[in-house]
Protein backbone atom coordinates (compact mmCIF):
# COMPACT_ATOMS: atom_id res chain seq x y z
CA MET A 1 10.89 85.56 112.34
CA THR A 2 12.52 88.33 114.67
CA GLN A 3 10.29 87.40 117.61
CA ALA A 4 11.68 83.76 117.36
CA LEU A 5 15.15 85.27 118.10
CA GLU A 6 14.09 87.20 121.20
CA PRO A 7 14.85 84.28 123.65
CA PHE A 8 18.35 83.83 122.36
CA VAL A 9 19.47 87.46 123.46
CA ASN A 10 22.35 87.17 126.08
CA ARG A 11 22.60 83.38 125.36
CA VAL A 12 25.40 81.36 123.52
CA VAL A 13 24.28 80.58 120.11
CA SER A 14 25.55 78.70 116.86
CA VAL A 15 24.93 80.48 113.72
CA ILE A 16 24.99 78.57 110.47
CA THR A 17 25.64 80.95 107.51
CA SER A 18 24.43 80.22 103.90
CA ASP A 19 27.97 80.06 103.00
CA GLY A 20 28.55 77.02 105.31
CA ARG A 21 30.35 78.82 108.19
CA ASN A 22 29.61 77.99 111.93
CA ILE A 23 30.00 80.93 114.11
CA VAL A 24 29.58 80.57 118.06
CA GLY A 25 29.08 83.42 120.45
CA THR A 26 26.78 85.37 122.78
CA MET A 27 23.99 87.05 120.98
CA LYS A 28 23.74 90.57 121.87
CA GLY A 29 21.14 91.68 119.46
CA PHE A 30 19.49 91.56 116.19
CA ASP A 31 17.19 93.68 113.93
CA GLN A 32 14.15 93.43 111.61
CA SER A 33 16.57 92.31 108.79
CA ILE A 34 17.84 89.47 111.16
CA ASN A 35 21.25 91.05 111.21
CA VAL A 36 22.83 89.24 114.17
CA ILE A 37 25.39 90.76 116.59
CA LEU A 38 27.54 88.15 118.34
CA ASP A 39 30.06 88.94 121.04
CA GLU A 40 33.12 86.75 122.33
CA CYS A 41 32.54 84.71 119.42
CA HIS A 42 34.63 82.34 117.24
CA GLU A 43 34.34 80.52 114.05
CA ARG A 44 34.42 76.65 114.03
CA VAL A 45 36.26 75.21 110.97
CA TYR A 46 35.85 71.57 110.30
CA SER A 47 38.13 69.29 108.81
CA THR A 48 38.51 65.63 108.07
CA ASN A 49 42.17 65.65 108.64
CA ARG A 50 42.46 67.36 112.02
CA GLY A 51 40.10 68.47 114.94
CA VAL A 52 37.92 71.47 114.87
CA GLU A 53 39.88 74.64 114.57
CA GLN A 54 38.53 77.78 116.36
CA VAL A 55 39.20 81.09 114.85
CA ILE A 56 38.78 84.01 117.44
CA LEU A 57 36.51 86.75 116.05
CA GLY A 58 35.51 88.78 118.93
CA LEU A 59 32.54 91.08 118.29
CA TYR A 60 31.00 90.22 114.98
CA ILE A 61 28.00 91.09 113.04
CA ILE A 62 26.38 88.61 110.54
CA ARG A 63 24.24 90.11 107.73
CA GLY A 64 20.62 88.83 108.01
CA ASP A 65 20.63 87.51 104.40
CA ASN A 66 23.51 85.40 105.30
CA VAL A 67 22.00 83.68 108.29
CA ALA A 68 20.64 80.17 107.55
CA LEU A 69 20.24 78.80 111.09
CA VAL A 70 20.29 80.04 114.74
CA GLY A 71 20.24 77.66 117.60
CA GLU A 72 21.11 78.02 121.37
CA LEU A 73 24.05 75.82 122.59
CA ASP A 74 24.13 73.82 125.75
CA GLU A 75 26.92 75.26 127.55
CA GLU A 76 27.18 72.30 129.89
CA LEU A 77 27.56 69.90 127.12
CA GLU A 78 29.78 72.29 125.16
CA ALA A 79 32.14 72.29 128.18
CA ARG A 80 32.71 68.43 127.91
CA LEU A 81 33.44 68.44 124.24
CA ASP A 82 36.90 67.90 123.06
CA LEU A 83 36.90 69.66 119.78
CA SER A 84 40.35 68.89 118.97
CA SER A 85 39.33 65.18 118.57
CA ILE A 86 36.40 65.93 116.36
CA LYS A 87 36.75 65.42 112.56
CA ALA A 88 34.03 66.25 110.01
CA GLU A 89 33.30 67.28 106.45
CA PRO A 90 33.24 71.15 106.17
CA LEU A 91 29.69 72.47 105.60
CA ASN A 92 28.65 73.09 102.07
CA GLU A 93 27.12 76.28 100.82
CA CYS A 94 23.29 76.60 101.13
CA LYS A 95 21.72 76.55 97.80
CA THR A 96 18.46 78.59 97.18
């Protein structure tokens, strides 16, 4: 699994956690336990009443046992999104 994360180093990624959080930032590193280090990151908080709120986190470490999904973001597409107009149900907790 850790070999699959290598291409994401120094790229902007979105990490979905098992408790339903969406954290976006630049992946600076990871280890064999899939603990992920993100820099310049923020959490995207979704709501059905208002647009996406972005909570600044800065440098952040996500424990490997809490990582559900990691994906690279298309920075060009991201720049065109108006997150303040996007309304969505918050993500649910992953059940194992």
